[in-house]
Protein backbone atom coordinates (compact mmCIF):
# COMPACT_ATOMS: atom_id res chain seq x y z
CA MET A 1 -4.58 27.32 6.87
CA ASP A 2 -1.10 28.58 8.23
CA GLU A 3 0.66 25.51 8.58
CA ASP A 4 0.25 21.49 6.97
CA LEU A 5 0.54 18.81 9.70
CA ILE A 6 2.75 16.27 8.17
CA ILE A 7 2.93 12.77 9.99
CA TYR A 8 5.56 10.12 9.32
CA LEU A 9 4.82 6.61 8.57
CA LYS A 10 7.25 3.61 8.82
CA LEU A 11 6.37 1.50 5.40
CA ASP A 12 8.48 -1.49 3.90
CA THR A 13 10.58 -0.34 1.49
CA TYR A 14 8.86 -1.39 -1.51
CA LEU A 15 5.35 0.01 0.19
CA ALA A 16 7.16 3.44 0.44
CA GLN A 17 8.59 3.54 -3.01
CA TRP A 18 5.26 2.77 -4.59
CA VAL A 19 3.12 5.20 -2.32
CA VAL A 20 5.17 8.22 -3.17
CA HIS A 21 5.38 7.27 -6.59
CA GLU A 22 1.72 7.59 -6.52
CA TYR A 23 1.02 10.03 -4.28
CA GLY A 24 4.61 12.53 -4.53
CA GLU A 25 7.19 13.13 -2.22
CA ILE A 26 5.05 14.81 0.57
CA VAL A 27 1.87 11.72 0.18
CA GLU A 28 -1.41 13.59 -0.48
CA PHE A 29 -4.17 11.48 -0.78
CA PRO A 30 -7.43 11.87 -2.58
CA ARG A 31 -10.21 13.34 -0.71
CA ASN A 32 -12.85 11.18 0.57
CA SER A 33 -10.05 8.18 0.21
CA ALA A 34 -10.00 5.50 2.59
CA GLU A 35 -6.83 6.37 3.59
CA ASN A 36 -7.96 9.77 4.95
CA ASP A 37 -10.85 8.34 6.34
CA VAL A 38 -8.71 6.53 9.00
CA ILE A 39 -6.15 8.94 9.41
CA GLN A 40 -9.36 11.49 10.51
CA LEU A 41 -10.76 8.57 12.63
CA GLY A 42 -7.55 8.22 14.59
CA LEU A 43 -6.41 11.69 14.85
CA MET A 44 -6.58 12.84 18.27
CA ARG A 45 -5.05 15.24 21.06
CA LYS A 46 -1.40 14.16 21.38
CA PRO A 47 -0.92 12.87 24.77
CA ILE A 48 1.64 14.33 27.02
CA LEU A 49 4.62 11.82 26.67
CA ALA A 50 3.63 10.41 23.08
CA TYR A 51 6.46 9.54 21.06
CA VAL A 52 5.94 11.11 17.68
CA PRO A 53 8.19 9.86 14.43
CA GLY A 54 10.06 12.29 12.49
CA PRO A 55 11.58 12.18 9.21
CA GLY A 56 14.05 9.39 8.76
CA GLU A 57 14.66 6.41 6.57
CA GLY A 58 12.55 4.43 5.75
CA TYR A 59 9.49 6.96 7.01
CA VAL A 60 6.90 8.48 4.41
CA PRO A 61 6.33 12.11 5.13
CA ILE A 62 1.98 12.13 4.56
CA LYS A 63 0.11 15.50 4.74
CA VAL A 64 -2.99 15.30 7.08
CA PRO A 65 -5.77 17.32 4.80
CA TYR A 66 -8.10 19.68 6.75
CA PHE A 67 -10.82 17.95 8.08
CA LYS A 68 -14.15 19.99 9.56
CA GLU A 69 -14.97 18.04 12.05
CA ARG A 70 -11.18 17.62 13.60
CA ASN A 71 -9.38 20.48 13.36
CA ILE A 72 -5.79 19.49 13.03
CA ARG A 73 -4.28 22.25 15.09
CA ILE A 74 -6.10 20.44 18.41
CA TYR A 75 -5.91 16.82 16.84
CA ASN A 76 -2.35 16.29 15.60
CA TYR A 77 -1.48 13.04 16.90
CA LEU A 78 -1.70 9.58 15.18
CA SER A 79 -1.68 6.87 17.44
CA TYR A 80 0.47 3.05 17.32
CA SER A 81 -2.96 1.79 16.36
CA GLY A 82 -3.64 4.72 13.89
CA ARG A 83 -0.36 4.13 12.03
CA LYS A 84 -0.82 0.30 11.92
CA SER A 85 -4.15 1.01 10.52
CA LEU A 86 -3.06 3.33 7.90
CA ALA A 87 -0.49 0.93 6.83
CA ARG A 88 -2.61 -1.71 6.54
CA CYS A 89 -4.80 0.18 4.29
CA ILE A 90 -2.33 1.58 1.89
CA ARG A 91 -0.97 -2.12 1.68
CA SER A 92 -4.33 -2.95 0.72
CA ARG A 93 -4.77 -0.33 -1.90
CA PHE A 94 -1.37 -1.70 -2.90
CA VAL A 95 -2.20 -5.42 -3.30
CA ILE A 96 -5.30 -4.13 -5.21
CA ALA A 97 -3.38 -2.29 -7.69
CA LEU A 98 -0.62 -5.09 -8.40
CA TRP A 99 -3.58 -7.66 -8.45
CA ASN A 100 -5.43 -5.43 -11.16
CA ASP A 101 -2.91 -4.78 -13.25
CA LEU A 102 -1.10 -8.68 -13.51
CA GLN A 103 -4.35 -10.47 -13.32
CA LYS A 104 -5.50 -9.19 -16.55
CA PHE A 105 -2.95 -11.13 -18.28
CA GLY A 106 -4.09 -14.58 -17.47
CA HIS A 107 -1.67 -17.16 -17.13
CA ILE A 108 1.39 -16.65 -19.36
CA GLY A 109 4.23 -18.97 -17.62
CA ARG A 110 7.42 -17.26 -17.21
CA GLN A 111 6.43 -13.87 -18.56
CA LYS A 112 4.39 -13.20 -15.95
CA GLN A 113 7.75 -12.83 -13.55
CA ASP A 114 8.88 -10.49 -16.14
CA LEU A 115 5.63 -8.57 -16.22
CA ILE A 116 6.41 -8.14 -12.43
CA TRP A 117 9.68 -6.70 -12.98
CA THR A 118 8.36 -4.01 -15.54
CA TRP A 119 5.31 -3.31 -12.85
CA MET A 120 7.90 -2.63 -10.50
CA GLU A 121 9.78 -0.07 -12.60
CA SER A 122 6.66 1.63 -13.95
CA HIS A 123 5.43 1.84 -10.63
CA GLY A 124 8.68 3.21 -8.79
CA ILE A 125 9.74 0.15 -7.28
CA ASP A 126 13.47 -0.63 -7.03
CA THR A 127 14.38 -3.49 -9.31
CA THR A 128 15.88 -5.65 -6.56
CA GLU A 129 15.61 -9.41 -6.05
CA THR A 130 14.31 -8.92 -2.63
CA ASN A 131 11.41 -6.57 -3.93
CA PHE A 132 10.87 -8.84 -6.94
CA ASN A 133 10.27 -11.69 -4.27
CA THR A 134 8.17 -10.16 -2.07
CA LEU A 135 5.74 -8.82 -4.89
CA PHE A 136 6.07 -12.18 -6.51
CA LYS A 137 4.46 -13.73 -3.11
CA ILE A 138 2.30 -10.93 -2.88
CA TYR A 139 1.15 -12.27 -6.15
CA LYS A 140 1.08 -15.67 -5.77
CA ARG A 141 -0.77 -15.62 -2.61
CA LYS A 142 -3.62 -13.62 -4.31
CA ARG A 143 -3.91 -15.84 -6.89
CA ASP A 144 -4.16 -18.97 -4.75
CA VAL A 145 -6.68 -17.25 -3.04
CA TYR A 146 -8.61 -16.04 -6.56
CA ARG A 147 -8.07 -19.61 -7.91
CA HIS A 148 -9.95 -21.56 -4.91
CA LYS A 149 -12.47 -19.20 -4.83
CA MET A 150 -13.05 -20.13 -8.75
CA LYS A 151 -12.85 -23.62 -7.58
CA GLU A 152 -15.49 -23.44 -4.86
CA ALA A 153 -17.86 -21.47 -7.60
CA GLY A 154 -17.73 -24.58 -9.92
CA LYS A 155 -15.99 -22.46 -12.74
CA GLU A 156 -12.88 -23.26 -14.81
CA VAL A 157 -9.72 -22.30 -12.63
CA PRO A 158 -7.11 -21.10 -15.34
CA ARG A 159 -4.32 -23.29 -14.82
CA GLY A 160 -0.61 -23.56 -16.50
CA LYS A 161 1.87 -26.45 -17.30
CA LYS A 162 2.36 -28.98 -14.77
CA GLY A 163 5.50 -27.89 -13.38
CA GLU A 164 5.59 -24.12 -14.08
CA LYS A 165 5.74 -21.50 -11.02
CA PHE A 166 3.03 -19.47 -12.38
């Protein structure tokens, strides 16, 4: 292939930092990944007056792989809905990674907050209050859903001491 096709995707700051840390400065998803499937599904011929985001603050460069079924010389545009689907797919992978890494520690109270800070550092996310609060809320929502499902299934629900945040 003569030239790589790069698309630029607008993501929340923490998410952009994470995806670049995990997949490189020019993001290249693994072959047969859900993200590449979304890209392949959403690629189309570029409409005449279509807006194509370029490099800029908050935009992550993503390399589009070669697809046998969709030549990227012809199908080289990812629509707004395609970009939205790709961003959701990336966010889902992020939430799964966050949950899988943090839930294995169980309930350890205040230390969970320290673990979130550590997780941010080890995954290339700036350690700011805004990013911490965002990740804290994501984790808390996921934990609450997990607890609800455990309770419905009649299993013991892990709990902390009364009044603890975690």
